[in-house]
């Protein structure tokens, strides 16, 4: 799994209250984080990153469920 996605999962898990569908919440979180970046480091690849996350949904769901 990409190091960026692993870092985003760690940051997402720091959120105290997560309700509803974890995967959908994670996708929204990633989109907000990448949109809010001051530099253009990830703006070009934002769609590619979101597509990677969607393509690897099962593996990411397993990581999100782990403690």
C-alpha atoms as a PDB file:
ATOM      1  CA  UNK A   1       0.000   0.000   0.000  1.00  0.00           C
ATOM      2  CA  UNK A   2       1.274   3.449  -0.774  1.00  0.00           C
ATOM      3  CA  UNK A   3       3.039   5.304   2.039  1.00  0.00           C
ATOM      4  CA  UNK A   4       0.785   8.313   1.487  1.00  0.00           C
ATOM      5  CA  UNK A   5      -2.349   6.191   1.964  1.00  0.00           C
ATOM      6  CA  UNK A   6      -0.863   4.584   5.087  1.00  0.00           C
ATOM      7  CA  UNK A   7      -0.166   8.053   6.515  1.00  0.00           C
ATOM      8  CA  UNK A   8      -3.697   9.222   5.660  1.00  0.00           C
ATOM      9  CA  UNK A   9      -5.165   6.146   7.395  1.00  0.00           C
ATOM     10  CA  UNK A  10      -3.141   6.943  10.544  1.00  0.00           C
ATOM     11  CA  UNK A  11      -4.367  10.540  10.506  1.00  0.00           C
ATOM     12  CA  UNK A  12      -7.957   9.420   9.907  1.00  0.00           C
ATOM     13  CA  UNK A  13      -7.781   7.048  12.877  1.00  0.00           C
ATOM     14  CA  UNK A  14      -6.810   9.979  15.141  1.00  0.00           C
ATOM     15  CA  UNK A  15     -10.312  11.395  14.704  1.00  0.00           C
ATOM     16  CA  UNK A  16     -12.211  10.556  17.876  1.00  0.00           C
ATOM     17  CA  UNK A  17     -15.756  10.304  16.521  1.00  0.00           C
ATOM     18  CA  UNK A  18     -16.284   8.478  13.269  1.00  0.00           C
ATOM     19  CA  UNK A  19     -19.841   7.533  12.441  1.00  0.00           C
ATOM     20  CA  UNK A  20     -21.378   5.750   9.498  1.00  0.00           C
ATOM     21  CA  UNK A  21     -19.509   4.049   6.692  1.00  0.00           C
ATOM     22  CA  UNK A  22     -15.772   4.122   7.491  1.00  0.00           C
ATOM     23  CA  UNK A  23     -14.665   3.842   3.869  1.00  0.00           C
ATOM     24  CA  UNK A  24     -16.896   6.661   2.625  1.00  0.00           C
ATOM     25  CA  UNK A  25     -15.814   8.841   5.549  1.00  0.00           C
ATOM     26  CA  UNK A  26     -12.181   8.066   4.738  1.00  0.00           C
ATOM     27  CA  UNK A  27     -12.652   9.036   1.075  1.00  0.00           C
ATOM     28  CA  UNK A  28     -14.213  12.330   2.143  1.00  0.00           C
ATOM     29  CA  UNK A  29     -11.391  12.918   4.642  1.00  0.00           C
ATOM     30  CA  UNK A  30      -8.728  12.272   1.982  1.00  0.00           C
ATOM     31  CA  UNK A  31     -10.444  14.581  -0.504  1.00  0.00           C
ATOM     32  CA  UNK A  32     -10.645  17.369   2.080  1.00  0.00           C
ATOM     33  CA  UNK A  33      -7.026  16.918   3.133  1.00  0.00           C
ATOM     34  CA  UNK A  34      -5.715  16.929  -0.428  1.00  0.00           C
ATOM     35  CA  UNK A  35      -7.922  19.862  -1.434  1.00  0.00           C
ATOM     36  CA  UNK A  36      -6.798  21.896   1.560  1.00  0.00           C
ATOM     37  CA  UNK A  37      -3.058  21.574   0.863  1.00  0.00           C
ATOM     38  CA  UNK A  38      -1.388  24.973   0.501  1.00  0.00           C
ATOM     39  CA  UNK A  39       1.195  23.714  -1.955  1.00  0.00           C
ATOM     40  CA  UNK A  40       0.411  21.983  -5.220  1.00  0.00           C
ATOM     41  CA  UNK A  41       2.243  18.803  -4.258  1.00  0.00           C
ATOM     42  CA  UNK A  42      -0.869  16.576  -4.355  1.00  0.00           C
ATOM     43  CA  UNK A  43      -3.425  18.624  -6.310  1.00  0.00           C
ATOM     44  CA  UNK A  44      -2.410  17.199  -9.663  1.00  0.00           C
ATOM     45  CA  UNK A  45      -2.565  13.624  -8.426  1.00  0.00           C
ATOM     46  CA  UNK A  46      -5.635  13.981  -6.194  1.00  0.00           C
ATOM     47  CA  UNK A  47      -7.877  12.129  -8.633  1.00  0.00           C
ATOM     48  CA  UNK A  48      -5.247   9.423  -9.087  1.00  0.00           C
ATOM     49  CA  UNK A  49      -4.936   8.991  -5.316  1.00  0.00           C
ATOM     50  CA  UNK A  50      -8.707   8.778  -4.873  1.00  0.00           C
ATOM     51  CA  UNK A  51      -8.892   6.261  -7.735  1.00  0.00           C
ATOM     52  CA  UNK A  52      -6.135   4.185  -6.094  1.00  0.00           C
ATOM     53  CA  UNK A  53      -8.082   4.206  -2.826  1.00  0.00           C
ATOM     54  CA  UNK A  54     -11.314   3.200  -4.594  1.00  0.00           C
ATOM     55  CA  UNK A  55      -9.536   0.413  -6.495  1.00  0.00           C
ATOM     56  CA  UNK A  56      -8.046  -0.970  -3.260  1.00  0.00           C
ATOM     57  CA  UNK A  57     -11.232  -0.636  -1.205  1.00  0.00           C
ATOM     58  CA  UNK A  58     -11.030  -4.061   0.469  1.00  0.00           C
ATOM     59  CA  UNK A  59      -7.425  -3.686   1.646  1.00  0.00           C
ATOM     60  CA  UNK A  60      -8.073  -0.168   2.926  1.00  0.00           C
ATOM     61  CA  UNK A  61     -11.239  -1.249   4.739  1.00  0.00           C
ATOM     62  CA  UNK A  62      -9.186  -3.900   6.540  1.00  0.00           C
ATOM     63  CA  UNK A  63      -6.628  -1.277   7.585  1.00  0.00           C
ATOM     64  CA  UNK A  64      -9.376   1.063   8.786  1.00  0.00           C
ATOM     65  CA  UNK A  65     -10.943  -1.658  10.938  1.00  0.00           C
ATOM     66  CA  UNK A  66      -7.634  -2.650  12.565  1.00  0.00           C
ATOM     67  CA  UNK A  67      -6.853  -0.993  15.890  1.00  0.00           C
END
